[in-house]
Amino acid sequence: MDVIREKRDGRTVMKVQGTISIYEISALHRQMLECFKECNDFIIDLGEVSDCDTAGAQLLCAARATVGPKGKSPTIDGISKGVGRTLNRLGINPARIREQAKEEK
C-alpha cells in the first residue's frame, strides 16, 4: 500500500494505492492521523485501491465518524471496485458515503 499526498483545488488529498487490509491499516491509520492534525478539509481518494478487507473498511468508517464531529471535513472519494465490493458485503452503500459527505458540507 502506498499513500500519496497531493493538493487538488486547494484541498489536501490522500491518494491510497494498493491493498488496504489488516496488514496495512496501522500504517494507513498513522498517515490519516497526521493528515487530520494538519488539515481541516481533505479528501481520501480510494480510486486506486485494488482490494480492501473488513479491517480496512472499519478504519475508513471510523475515520469519518471520529473526525466529523470535531469540525473536520473528510471526504471519501474515488471508491474502487475492491473497496465497493467490501462495503457492499458489509451492508454499506458506497454511493451513500459520498452523499453523506456532500450533505455535511
PDB file of N, CA and C in Angstrom:
ATOM      1  N   MET A   1       0.839  -1.177   0.000  1.00  0.00           N
ATOM      2  CA  MET A   1       0.000   0.000   0.000  1.00  0.00           C
ATOM      3  C   MET A   1       0.885   1.241   0.000  1.00  0.00           C
ATOM      4  N   ASP A   2       0.508   2.195  -0.812  1.00  0.00           N
ATOM      5  CA  ASP A   2       1.178   3.488  -0.857  1.00  0.00           C
ATOM      6  C   ASP A   2       0.149   4.581  -0.629  1.00  0.00           C
ATOM      7  N   VAL A   3       0.584   5.650   0.014  1.00  0.00           N
ATOM      8  CA  VAL A   3      -0.269   6.825   0.195  1.00  0.00           C
ATOM      9  C   VAL A   3       0.499   8.024  -0.343  1.00  0.00           C
ATOM     10  N   ILE A   4      -0.125   8.705  -1.282  1.00  0.00           N
ATOM     11  CA  ILE A   4       0.482   9.891  -1.878  1.00  0.00           C
ATOM     12  C   ILE A   4      -0.370  11.086  -1.479  1.00  0.00           C
ATOM     13  N   ARG A   5       0.286  12.091  -0.927  1.00  0.00           N
ATOM     14  CA  ARG A   5      -0.421  13.324  -0.584  1.00  0.00           C
ATOM     15  C   ARG A   5      -0.191  14.335  -1.684  1.00  0.00           C
ATOM     16  N   GLU A   6      -1.280  14.967  -2.090  1.00  0.00           N
ATOM     17  CA  GLU A   6      -1.186  15.988  -3.123  1.00  0.00           C
ATOM     18  C   GLU A   6      -2.245  17.043  -2.864  1.00  0.00           C
ATOM     19  N   LYS A   7      -2.141  18.153  -3.566  1.00  0.00           N
ATOM     20  CA  LYS A   7      -3.139  19.219  -3.466  1.00  0.00           C
ATOM     21  C   LYS A   7      -4.035  19.151  -4.692  1.00  0.00           C
ATOM     22  N   ARG A   8      -5.333  19.300  -4.472  1.00  0.00           N
ATOM     23  CA  ARG A   8      -6.312  19.333  -5.553  1.00  0.00           C
ATOM     24  C   ARG A   8      -7.330  20.417  -5.218  1.00  0.00           C
ATOM     25  N   ASP A   9      -7.385  21.437  -6.032  1.00  0.00           N
ATOM     26  CA  ASP A   9      -8.308  22.555  -5.813  1.00  0.00           C
ATOM     27  C   ASP A   9      -8.175  23.139  -4.411  1.00  0.00           C
ATOM     28  N   GLY A  10      -6.931  23.250  -3.935  1.00  0.00           N
ATOM     29  CA  GLY A  10      -6.679  23.837  -2.627  1.00  0.00           C
ATOM     30  C   GLY A  10      -6.906  22.913  -1.442  1.00  0.00           C
ATOM     31  N   ARG A  11      -7.283  21.671  -1.710  1.00  0.00           N
ATOM     32  CA  ARG A  11      -7.534  20.711  -0.622  1.00  0.00           C
ATOM     33  C   ARG A  11      -6.449  19.633  -0.632  1.00  0.00           C
ATOM     34  N   THR A  12      -6.144  19.107   0.520  1.00  0.00           N
ATOM     35  CA  THR A  12      -5.200  18.008   0.613  1.00  0.00           C
ATOM     36  C   THR A  12      -5.899  16.710   0.237  1.00  0.00           C
ATOM     37  N   VAL A  13      -5.226  15.913  -0.575  1.00  0.00           N
ATOM     38  CA  VAL A  13      -5.754  14.621  -0.996  1.00  0.00           C
ATOM     39  C   VAL A  13      -4.802  13.530  -0.536  1.00  0.00           C
ATOM     40  N   MET A  14      -5.364  12.543   0.157  1.00  0.00           N
ATOM     41  CA  MET A  14      -4.619  11.331   0.499  1.00  0.00           C
ATOM     42  C   MET A  14      -5.033  10.280  -0.523  1.00  0.00           C
ATOM     43  N   LYS A  15      -4.160  10.013  -1.476  1.00  0.00           N
ATOM     44  CA  LYS A  15      -4.460   9.060  -2.529  1.00  0.00           C
ATOM     45  C   LYS A  15      -3.879   7.706  -2.118  1.00  0.00           C
ATOM     46  N   VAL A  16      -4.765   6.751  -1.844  1.00  0.00           N
ATOM     47  CA  VAL A  16      -4.346   5.437  -1.366  1.00  0.00           C
ATOM     48  C   VAL A  16      -4.289   4.489  -2.564  1.00  0.00           C
ATOM     49  N   GLN A  17      -3.184   3.755  -2.657  1.00  0.00           N
ATOM     50  CA  GLN A  17      -2.990   2.817  -3.766  1.00  0.00           C
ATOM     51  C   GLN A  17      -2.627   1.445  -3.209  1.00  0.00           C
ATOM     52  N   GLY A  18      -3.112   0.395  -3.868  1.00  0.00           N
ATOM     53  CA  GLY A  18      -2.779  -0.966  -3.449  1.00  0.00           C
ATOM     54  C   GLY A  18      -3.865  -1.559  -2.577  1.00  0.00           C
ATOM     55  N   THR A  19      -3.451  -2.367  -1.634  1.00  0.00           N
ATOM     56  CA  THR A  19      -4.370  -3.103  -0.774  1.00  0.00           C
ATOM     57  C   THR A  19      -4.507  -2.436   0.589  1.00  0.00           C
ATOM     58  N   ILE A  20      -5.736  -2.359   1.082  1.00  0.00           N
ATOM     59  CA  ILE A  20      -5.986  -1.926   2.457  1.00  0.00           C
ATOM     60  C   ILE A  20      -6.504  -3.160   3.198  1.00  0.00           C
ATOM     61  N   SER A  21      -5.650  -3.729   4.009  1.00  0.00           N
ATOM     62  CA  SER A  21      -6.046  -4.908   4.775  1.00  0.00           C
ATOM     63  C   SER A  21      -5.532  -4.775   6.198  1.00  0.00           C
ATOM     64  N   ILE A  22      -5.790  -5.774   6.972  1.00  0.00           N
ATOM     65  CA  ILE A  22      -5.353  -5.767   8.371  1.00  0.00           C
ATOM     66  C   ILE A  22      -3.846  -5.545   8.488  1.00  0.00           C
ATOM     67  N   TYR A  23      -3.103  -5.922   7.450  1.00  0.00           N
ATOM     68  CA  TYR A  23      -1.649  -5.778   7.475  1.00  0.00           C
ATOM     69  C   TYR A  23      -1.190  -4.350   7.195  1.00  0.00           C
ATOM     70  N   GLU A  24      -2.016  -3.565   6.534  1.00  0.00           N
ATOM     71  CA  GLU A  24      -1.649  -2.199   6.181  1.00  0.00           C
ATOM     72  C   GLU A  24      -2.336  -1.129   7.023  1.00  0.00           C
ATOM     73  N   ILE A  25      -3.367  -1.468   7.767  1.00  0.00           N
ATOM     74  CA  ILE A  25      -4.161  -0.405   8.403  1.00  0.00           C
ATOM     75  C   ILE A  25      -3.400   0.382   9.463  1.00  0.00           C
ATOM     76  N   SER A  26      -2.434  -0.224  10.106  1.00  0.00           N
ATOM     77  CA  SER A  26      -1.668   0.517  11.108  1.00  0.00           C
ATOM     78  C   SER A  26      -0.923   1.682  10.454  1.00  0.00           C
ATOM     79  N   ALA A  27      -0.270   1.420   9.334  1.00  0.00           N
ATOM     80  CA  ALA A  27       0.457   2.469   8.614  1.00  0.00           C
ATOM     81  C   ALA A  27      -0.518   3.513   8.061  1.00  0.00           C
ATOM     82  N   LEU A  28      -1.635   3.064   7.509  1.00  0.00           N
ATOM     83  CA  LEU A  28      -2.623   3.995   6.979  1.00  0.00           C
ATOM     84  C   LEU A  28      -3.219   4.838   8.104  1.00  0.00           C
ATOM     85  N   HIS A  29      -3.476   4.230   9.235  1.00  0.00           N
ATOM     86  CA  HIS A  29      -4.017   4.950  10.390  1.00  0.00           C
ATOM     87  C   HIS A  29      -3.071   6.079  10.802  1.00  0.00           C
ATOM     88  N   ARG A  30      -1.785   5.785  10.890  1.00  0.00           N
ATOM     89  CA  ARG A  30      -0.794   6.815  11.259  1.00  0.00           C
ATOM     90  C   ARG A  30      -0.808   7.972  10.256  1.00  0.00           C
ATOM     91  N   GLN A  31      -0.861   7.644   8.978  1.00  0.00           N
ATOM     92  CA  GLN A  31      -0.860   8.697   7.960  1.00  0.00           C
ATOM     93  C   GLN A  31      -2.145   9.511   7.993  1.00  0.00           C
ATOM     94  N   MET A  32      -3.256   8.858   8.278  1.00  0.00           N
ATOM     95  CA  MET A  32      -4.523   9.579   8.404  1.00  0.00           C
ATOM     96  C   MET A  32      -4.477  10.540   9.583  1.00  0.00           C
ATOM     97  N   LEU A  33      -3.940  10.093  10.707  1.00  0.00           N
ATOM     98  CA  LEU A  33      -3.846  10.964  11.881  1.00  0.00           C
ATOM     99  C   LEU A  33      -3.009  12.200  11.594  1.00  0.00           C
ATOM    100  N   GLU A  34      -1.904  12.023  10.876  1.00  0.00           N
ATOM    101  CA  GLU A  34      -1.072  13.165  10.500  1.00  0.00           C
ATOM    102  C   GLU A  34      -1.871  14.157   9.655  1.00  0.00           C
ATOM    103  N   CYS A  35      -2.606  13.630   8.697  1.00  0.00           N
ATOM    104  CA  CYS A  35      -3.395  14.498   7.822  1.00  0.00           C
ATOM    105  C   CYS A  35      -4.512  15.188   8.613  1.00  0.00           C
ATOM    106  N   PHE A  36      -5.150  14.458   9.519  1.00  0.00           N
ATOM    107  CA  PHE A  36      -6.224  15.035  10.325  1.00  0.00           C
ATOM    108  C   PHE A  36      -5.702  16.189  11.172  1.00  0.00           C
ATOM    109  N   LYS A  37      -4.478  16.079  11.688  1.00  0.00           N
ATOM    110  CA  LYS A  37      -3.904  17.145  12.509  1.00  0.00           C
ATOM    111  C   LYS A  37      -3.585  18.385  11.686  1.00  0.00           C
ATOM    112  N   GLU A  38      -3.152  18.167  10.438  1.00  0.00           N
ATOM    113  CA  GLU A  38      -2.695  19.262   9.590  1.00  0.00           C
ATOM    114  C   GLU A  38      -3.804  19.935   8.783  1.00  0.00           C
ATOM    115  N   CYS A  39      -4.878  19.211   8.502  1.00  0.00           N
ATOM    116  CA  CYS A  39      -5.872  19.706   7.542  1.00  0.00           C
ATOM    117  C   CYS A  39      -7.279  19.671   8.130  1.00  0.00           C
ATOM    118  N   ASN A  40      -8.063  20.666   7.795  1.00  0.00           N
ATOM    119  CA  ASN A  40      -9.471  20.659   8.182  1.00  0.00           C
ATOM    120  C   ASN A  40     -10.367  20.130   7.076  1.00  0.00           C
ATOM    121  N   ASP A  41      -9.919  20.238   5.860  1.00  0.00           N
ATOM    122  CA  ASP A  41     -10.740  19.885   4.715  1.00  0.00           C
ATOM    123  C   ASP A  41      -9.893  19.039   3.768  1.00  0.00           C
ATOM    124  N   PHE A  42     -10.137  17.747   3.729  1.00  0.00           N
ATOM    125  CA  PHE A  42      -9.285  16.871   2.943  1.00  0.00           C
ATOM    126  C   PHE A  42     -10.089  15.749   2.307  1.00  0.00           C
ATOM    127  N   ILE A  43      -9.452  15.089   1.343  1.00  0.00           N
ATOM    128  CA  ILE A  43     -10.087  14.016   0.587  1.00  0.00           C
ATOM    129  C   ILE A  43      -9.271  12.748   0.772  1.00  0.00           C
ATOM    130  N   ILE A  44      -9.958  11.638   0.986  1.00  0.00           N
ATOM    131  CA  ILE A  44      -9.321  10.325   0.980  1.00  0.00           C
ATOM    132  C   ILE A  44      -9.756   9.670  -0.324  1.00  0.00           C
ATOM    133  N   ASP A  45      -8.825   9.574  -1.274  1.00  0.00           N
ATOM    134  CA  ASP A  45      -9.112   9.042  -2.610  1.00  0.00           C
ATOM    135  C   ASP A  45      -8.800   7.547  -2.627  1.00  0.00           C
ATOM    136  N   LEU A  46      -9.834   6.741  -2.829  1.00  0.00           N
ATOM    137  CA  LEU A  46      -9.699   5.279  -2.813  1.00  0.00           C
ATOM    138  C   LEU A  46      -9.835   4.669  -4.201  1.00  0.00           C
ATOM    139  N   GLY A  47      -9.701   5.472  -5.235  1.00  0.00           N
ATOM    140  CA  GLY A  47      -9.899   5.014  -6.602  1.00  0.00           C
ATOM    141  C   GLY A  47      -8.884   3.999  -7.084  1.00  0.00           C
ATOM    142  N   GLU A  48      -7.713   3.968  -6.459  1.00  0.00           N
ATOM    143  CA  GLU A  48      -6.668   3.042  -6.890  1.00  0.00           C
ATOM    144  C   GLU A  48      -6.402   1.940  -5.867  1.00  0.00           C
ATOM    145  N   VAL A  49      -7.374   1.677  -5.006  1.00  0.00           N
ATOM    146  CA  VAL A  49      -7.240   0.586  -4.040  1.00  0.00           C
ATOM    147  C   VAL A  49      -7.681  -0.701  -4.733  1.00  0.00           C
ATOM    148  N   SER A  50      -6.777  -1.666  -4.793  1.00  0.00           N
ATOM    149  CA  SER A  50      -7.082  -2.911  -5.504  1.00  0.00           C
ATOM    150  C   SER A  50      -7.949  -3.845  -4.684  1.00  0.00           C
ATOM    151  N   ASP A  51      -7.769  -3.850  -3.374  1.00  0.00           N
ATOM    152  CA  ASP A  51      -8.533  -4.747  -2.517  1.00  0.00           C
ATOM    153  C   ASP A  51      -8.624  -4.140  -1.128  1.00  0.00           C
ATOM    154  N   CYS A  52      -9.703  -4.456  -0.440  1.00  0.00           N
ATOM    155  CA  CYS A  52      -9.940  -3.927   0.902  1.00  0.00           C
ATOM    156  C   CYS A  52     -10.648  -5.004   1.709  1.00  0.00           C
ATOM    157  N   ASP A  53     -10.143  -5.299   2.892  1.00  0.00           N
ATOM    158  CA  ASP A  53     -10.829  -6.268   3.740  1.00  0.00           C
ATOM    159  C   ASP A  53     -11.671  -5.529   4.780  1.00  0.00           C
ATOM    160  N   THR A  54     -12.294  -6.277   5.662  1.00  0.00           N
ATOM    161  CA  THR A  54     -13.190  -5.647   6.642  1.00  0.00           C
ATOM    162  C   THR A  54     -12.439  -4.740   7.620  1.00  0.00           C
ATOM    163  N   ALA A  55     -11.183  -5.060   7.915  1.00  0.00           N
ATOM    164  CA  ALA A  55     -10.399  -4.187   8.792  1.00  0.00           C
ATOM    165  C   ALA A  55     -10.164  -2.838   8.116  1.00  0.00           C
ATOM    166  N   GLY A  56      -9.893  -2.859   6.811  1.00  0.00           N
ATOM    167  CA  GLY A  56      -9.729  -1.614   6.062  1.00  0.00           C
ATOM    168  C   GLY A  56     -11.015  -0.801   6.033  1.00  0.00           C
ATOM    169  N   ALA A  57     -12.125  -1.479   5.798  1.00  0.00           N
ATOM    170  CA  ALA A  57     -13.430  -0.796   5.771  1.00  0.00           C
ATOM    171  C   ALA A  57     -13.742  -0.197   7.143  1.00  0.00           C
ATOM    172  N   GLN A  58     -13.419  -0.924   8.198  1.00  0.00           N
ATOM    173  CA  GLN A  58     -13.662  -0.424   9.550  1.00  0.00           C
ATOM    174  C   GLN A  58     -12.849   0.842   9.820  1.00  0.00           C
ATOM    175  N   LEU A  59     -11.596   0.862   9.367  1.00  0.00           N
ATOM    176  CA  LEU A  59     -10.759   2.045   9.559  1.00  0.00           C
ATOM    177  C   LEU A  59     -11.357   3.245   8.823  1.00  0.00           C
ATOM    178  N   LEU A  60     -11.822   3.038   7.603  1.00  0.00           N
ATOM    179  CA  LEU A  60     -12.406   4.129   6.829  1.00  0.00           C
ATOM    180  C   LEU A  60     -13.665   4.679   7.495  1.00  0.00           C
ATOM    181  N   CYS A  61     -14.520   3.782   7.970  1.00  0.00           N
ATOM    182  CA  CYS A  61     -15.745   4.221   8.651  1.00  0.00           C
ATOM    183  C   CYS A  61     -15.425   4.940   9.962  1.00  0.00           C
ATOM    184  N   ALA A  62     -14.464   4.421  10.699  1.00  0.00           N
ATOM    185  CA  ALA A  62     -14.078   5.035  11.971  1.00  0.00           C
ATOM    186  C   ALA A  62     -13.474   6.415  11.747  1.00  0.00           C
ATOM    187  N   ALA A  63     -12.711   6.564  10.678  1.00  0.00           N
ATOM    188  CA  ALA A  63     -12.092   7.858  10.383  1.00  0.00           C
ATOM    189  C   ALA A  63     -13.154   8.924  10.172  1.00  0.00           C
ATOM    190  N   ARG A  64     -14.161   8.623   9.396  1.00  0.00           N
ATOM    191  CA  ARG A  64     -15.230   9.603   9.150  1.00  0.00           C
ATOM    192  C   ARG A  64     -16.006   9.897  10.425  1.00  0.00           C
ATOM    193  N   ALA A  65     -16.280   8.873  11.205  1.00  0.00           N
ATOM    194  CA  ALA A  65     -17.060   9.065  12.428  1.00  0.00           C
ATOM    195  C   ALA A  65     -16.275   9.851  13.477  1.00  0.00           C
ATOM    196  N   THR A  66     -14.964   9.661  13.515  1.00  0.00           N
ATOM    197  CA  THR A  66     -14.133  10.284  14.536  1.00  0.00           C
ATOM    198  C   THR A  66     -13.886  11.758  14.272  1.00  0.00           C
ATOM    199  N   VAL A  67     -13.523  12.108  13.052  1.00  0.00           N
ATOM    200  CA  VAL A  67     -13.138  13.494  12.800  1.00  0.00           C
ATOM    201  C   VAL A  67     -14.312  14.387  12.423  1.00  0.00           C
ATOM    202  N   GLY A  68     -15.393  13.823  11.930  1.00  0.00           N
ATOM    203  CA  GLY A  68     -16.557  14.625  11.554  1.00  0.00           C
ATOM    204  C   GLY A  68     -17.061  15.517  12.659  1.00  0.00           C
ATOM    205  N   PRO A  69     -17.288  14.982  13.871  1.00  0.00           N
ATOM    206  CA  PRO A  69     -17.790  15.820  14.962  1.00  0.00           C
ATOM    207  C   PRO A  69     -16.797  16.877  15.449  1.00  0.00           C
ATOM    208  N   LYS A  70     -15.521  16.762  15.068  1.00  0.00           N
ATOM    209  CA  LYS A  70     -14.509  17.712  15.524  1.00  0.00           C
ATOM    210  C   LYS A  70     -14.334  18.872  14.560  1.00  0.00           C
ATOM    211  N   GLY A  71     -15.286  19.050  13.645  1.00  0.00           N
ATOM    212  CA  GLY A  71     -15.214  20.166  12.717  1.00  0.00           C
ATOM    213  C   GLY A  71     -14.346  19.910  11.504  1.00  0.00           C
ATOM    214  N   LYS A  72     -13.862  18.713  11.359  1.00  0.00           N
ATOM    215  CA  LYS A  72     -13.066  18.358  10.191  1.00  0.00           C
ATOM    216  C   LYS A  72     -14.024  17.929   9.088  1.00  0.00           C
ATOM    217  N   SER A  73     -13.558  17.978   7.866  1.00  0.00           N
ATOM    218  CA  SER A  73     -14.420  17.621   6.741  1.00  0.00           C
ATOM    219  C   SER A  73     -13.744  16.602   5.827  1.00  0.00           C
ATOM    220  N   PRO A  74     -13.595  15.371   6.270  1.00  0.00           N
ATOM    221  CA  PRO A  74     -13.006  14.376   5.371  1.00  0.00           C
ATOM    222  C   PRO A  74     -14.030  13.917   4.348  1.00  0.00           C
ATOM    223  N   THR A  75     -13.607  13.831   3.111  1.00  0.00           N
ATOM    224  CA  THR A  75     -14.463  13.333   2.053  1.00  0.00           C
ATOM    225  C   THR A  75     -13.831  12.071   1.501  1.00  0.00           C
ATOM    226  N   ILE A  76     -14.590  11.014   1.416  1.00  0.00           N
ATOM    227  CA  ILE A  76     -14.105   9.790   0.797  1.00  0.00           C
ATOM    228  C   ILE A  76     -14.534   9.837  -0.653  1.00  0.00           C
ATOM    229  N   ASP A  77     -13.553   9.684  -1.551  1.00  0.00           N
ATOM    230  CA  ASP A  77     -13.811   9.856  -2.974  1.00  0.00           C
ATOM    231  C   ASP A  77     -13.160   8.721  -3.753  1.00  0.00           C
ATOM    232  N   GLY A  78     -13.587   8.556  -4.986  1.00  0.00           N
ATOM    233  CA  GLY A  78     -12.958   7.595  -5.880  1.00  0.00           C
ATOM    234  C   GLY A  78     -12.988   6.178  -5.357  1.00  0.00           C
ATOM    235  N   ILE A  79     -14.103   5.721  -4.910  1.00  0.00           N
ATOM    236  CA  ILE A  79     -14.199   4.384  -4.331  1.00  0.00           C
ATOM    237  C   ILE A  79     -14.021   3.331  -5.429  1.00  0.00           C
ATOM    238  N   SER A  80     -12.975   2.531  -5.317  1.00  0.00           N
ATOM    239  CA  SER A  80     -12.673   1.496  -6.314  1.00  0.00           C
ATOM    240  C   SER A  80     -13.634   0.314  -6.197  1.00  0.00           C
ATOM    241  N   LYS A  81     -13.587  -0.559  -7.182  1.00  0.00           N
ATOM    242  CA  LYS A  81     -14.427  -1.758  -7.143  1.00  0.00           C
ATOM    243  C   LYS A  81     -14.079  -2.630  -5.944  1.00  0.00           C
ATOM    244  N   GLY A  82     -12.799  -2.726  -5.609  1.00  0.00           N
ATOM    245  CA  GLY A  82     -12.381  -3.529  -4.457  1.00  0.00           C
ATOM    246  C   GLY A  82     -12.946  -3.018  -3.145  1.00  0.00           C
ATOM    247  N   VAL A  83     -12.915  -1.713  -2.962  1.00  0.00           N
ATOM    248  CA  VAL A  83     -13.477  -1.113  -1.749  1.00  0.00           C
ATOM    249  C   VAL A  83     -14.998  -1.232  -1.775  1.00  0.00           C
ATOM    250  N   GLY A  84     -15.592  -0.938  -2.920  1.00  0.00           N
ATOM    251  CA  GLY A  84     -17.047  -1.019  -3.053  1.00  0.00           C
ATOM    252  C   GLY A  84     -17.587  -2.402  -2.767  1.00  0.00           C
ATOM    253  N   ARG A  85     -16.882  -3.411  -3.245  1.00  0.00           N
ATOM    254  CA  ARG A  85     -17.286  -4.802  -3.007  1.00  0.00           C
ATOM    255  C   ARG A  85     -17.321  -5.107  -1.503  1.00  0.00           C
ATOM    256  N   THR A  86     -16.281  -4.699  -0.805  1.00  0.00           N
ATOM    257  CA  THR A  86     -16.223  -4.955   0.639  1.00  0.00           C
ATOM    258  C   THR A  86     -17.313  -4.192   1.372  1.00  0.00           C
ATOM    259  N   LEU A  87     -17.500  -2.924   1.028  1.00  0.00           N
ATOM    260  CA  LEU A  87     -18.549  -2.134   1.680  1.00  0.00           C
ATOM    261  C   LEU A  87     -19.923  -2.745   1.432  1.00  0.00           C
ATOM    262  N   ASN A  88     -20.175  -3.178   0.213  1.00  0.00           N
ATOM    263  CA  ASN A  88     -21.459  -3.819  -0.100  1.00  0.00           C
ATOM    264  C   ASN A  88     -21.674  -5.084   0.727  1.00  0.00           C
ATOM    265  N   ARG A  89     -20.635  -5.877   0.880  1.00  0.00           N
ATOM    266  CA  ARG A  89     -20.736  -7.104   1.687  1.00  0.00           C
ATOM    267  C   ARG A  89     -21.075  -6.794   3.138  1.00  0.00           C
ATOM    268  N   LEU A  90     -20.641  -5.627   3.581  1.00  0.00           N
ATOM    269  CA  LEU A  90     -20.910  -5.207   4.960  1.00  0.00           C
ATOM    270  C   LEU A  90     -22.234  -4.463   5.099  1.00  0.00           C
ATOM    271  N   GLY A  91     -22.940  -4.317   3.991  1.00  0.00           N
ATOM    272  CA  GLY A  91     -24.227  -3.628   4.026  1.00  0.00           C
ATOM    273  C   GLY A  91     -24.114  -2.119   3.981  1.00  0.00           C
ATOM    274  N   ILE A  92     -22.968  -1.615   3.534  1.00  0.00           N
ATOM    275  CA  ILE A  92     -22.750  -0.181   3.435  1.00  0.00           C
ATOM    276  C   ILE A  92     -22.798   0.199   1.961  1.00  0.00           C
ATOM    277  N   ASN A  93     -23.637   1.142   1.620  1.00  0.00           N
ATOM    278  CA  ASN A  93     -23.773   1.582   0.245  1.00  0.00           C
ATOM    279  C   ASN A  93     -22.687   2.613  -0.058  1.00  0.00           C
ATOM    280  N   PRO A  94     -21.719   2.271  -0.931  1.00  0.00           N
ATOM    281  CA  PRO A  94     -20.641   3.229  -1.235  1.00  0.00           C
ATOM    282  C   PRO A  94     -21.146   4.571  -1.744  1.00  0.00           C
ATOM    283  N   ALA A  95     -22.221   4.583  -2.514  1.00  0.00           N
ATOM    284  CA  ALA A  95     -22.769   5.846  -3.021  1.00  0.00           C
ATOM    285  C   ALA A  95     -23.261   6.713  -1.868  1.00  0.00           C
ATOM    286  N   ARG A  96     -23.766   6.107  -0.829  1.00  0.00           N
ATOM    287  CA  ARG A  96     -24.275   6.838   0.330  1.00  0.00           C
ATOM    288  C   ARG A  96     -23.149   7.555   1.081  1.00  0.00           C
ATOM    289  N   ILE A  97     -21.964   6.969   1.077  1.00  0.00           N
ATOM    290  CA  ILE A  97     -20.822   7.608   1.733  1.00  0.00           C
ATOM    291  C   ILE A  97     -20.538   8.950   1.078  1.00  0.00           C
ATOM    292  N   ARG A  98     -20.552   8.996  -0.246  1.00  0.00           N
ATOM    293  CA  ARG A  98     -20.312  10.252  -0.955  1.00  0.00           C
ATOM    294  C   ARG A  98     -21.433  11.256  -0.684  1.00  0.00           C
ATOM    295  N   GLU A  99     -22.679  10.773  -0.663  1.00  0.00           N
ATOM    296  CA  GLU A  99     -23.814  11.660  -0.415  1.00  0.00           C
ATOM    297  C   GLU A  99     -23.729  12.277   0.970  1.00  0.00           C
ATOM    298  N   GLN A 100     -23.368  11.478   1.972  1.00  0.00           N
ATOM    299  CA  GLN A 100     -23.261  11.991   3.330  1.00  0.00           C
ATOM    300  C   GLN A 100     -22.204  13.080   3.421  1.00  0.00           C
ATOM    301  N   ALA A 101     -21.079  12.882   2.740  1.00  0.00           N
ATOM    302  CA  ALA A 101     -20.020  13.887   2.762  1.00  0.00           C
ATOM    303  C   ALA A 101     -20.523  15.203   2.178  1.00  0.00           C
ATOM    304  N   LYS A 102     -21.293  15.142   1.098  1.00  0.00           N
ATOM    305  CA  LYS A 102     -21.816  16.361   0.494  1.00  0.00           C
ATOM    306  C   LYS A 102     -22.841  17.031   1.405  1.00  0.00           C
ATOM    307  N   GLU A 103     -23.670  16.226   2.084  1.00  0.00           N
ATOM    308  CA  GLU A 103     -24.697  16.772   2.984  1.00  0.00           C
ATOM    309  C   GLU A 103     -24.067  17.476   4.176  1.00  0.00           C
ATOM    310  N   GLU A 104     -22.927  16.981   4.635  1.00  0.00           N
ATOM    311  CA  GLU A 104     -22.271  17.534   5.812  1.00  0.00           C
ATOM    312  C   GLU A 104     -21.603  18.857   5.527  1.00  0.00           C
ATOM    313  N   LYS A 105     -21.344  19.183   4.276  1.00  0.00           N
ATOM    314  CA  LYS A 105     -20.627  20.422   3.913  1.00  0.00           C
ATOM    315  C   LYS A 105     -21.531  21.622   4.080  1.00  0.00           C
TER     316      LYS A 105
END
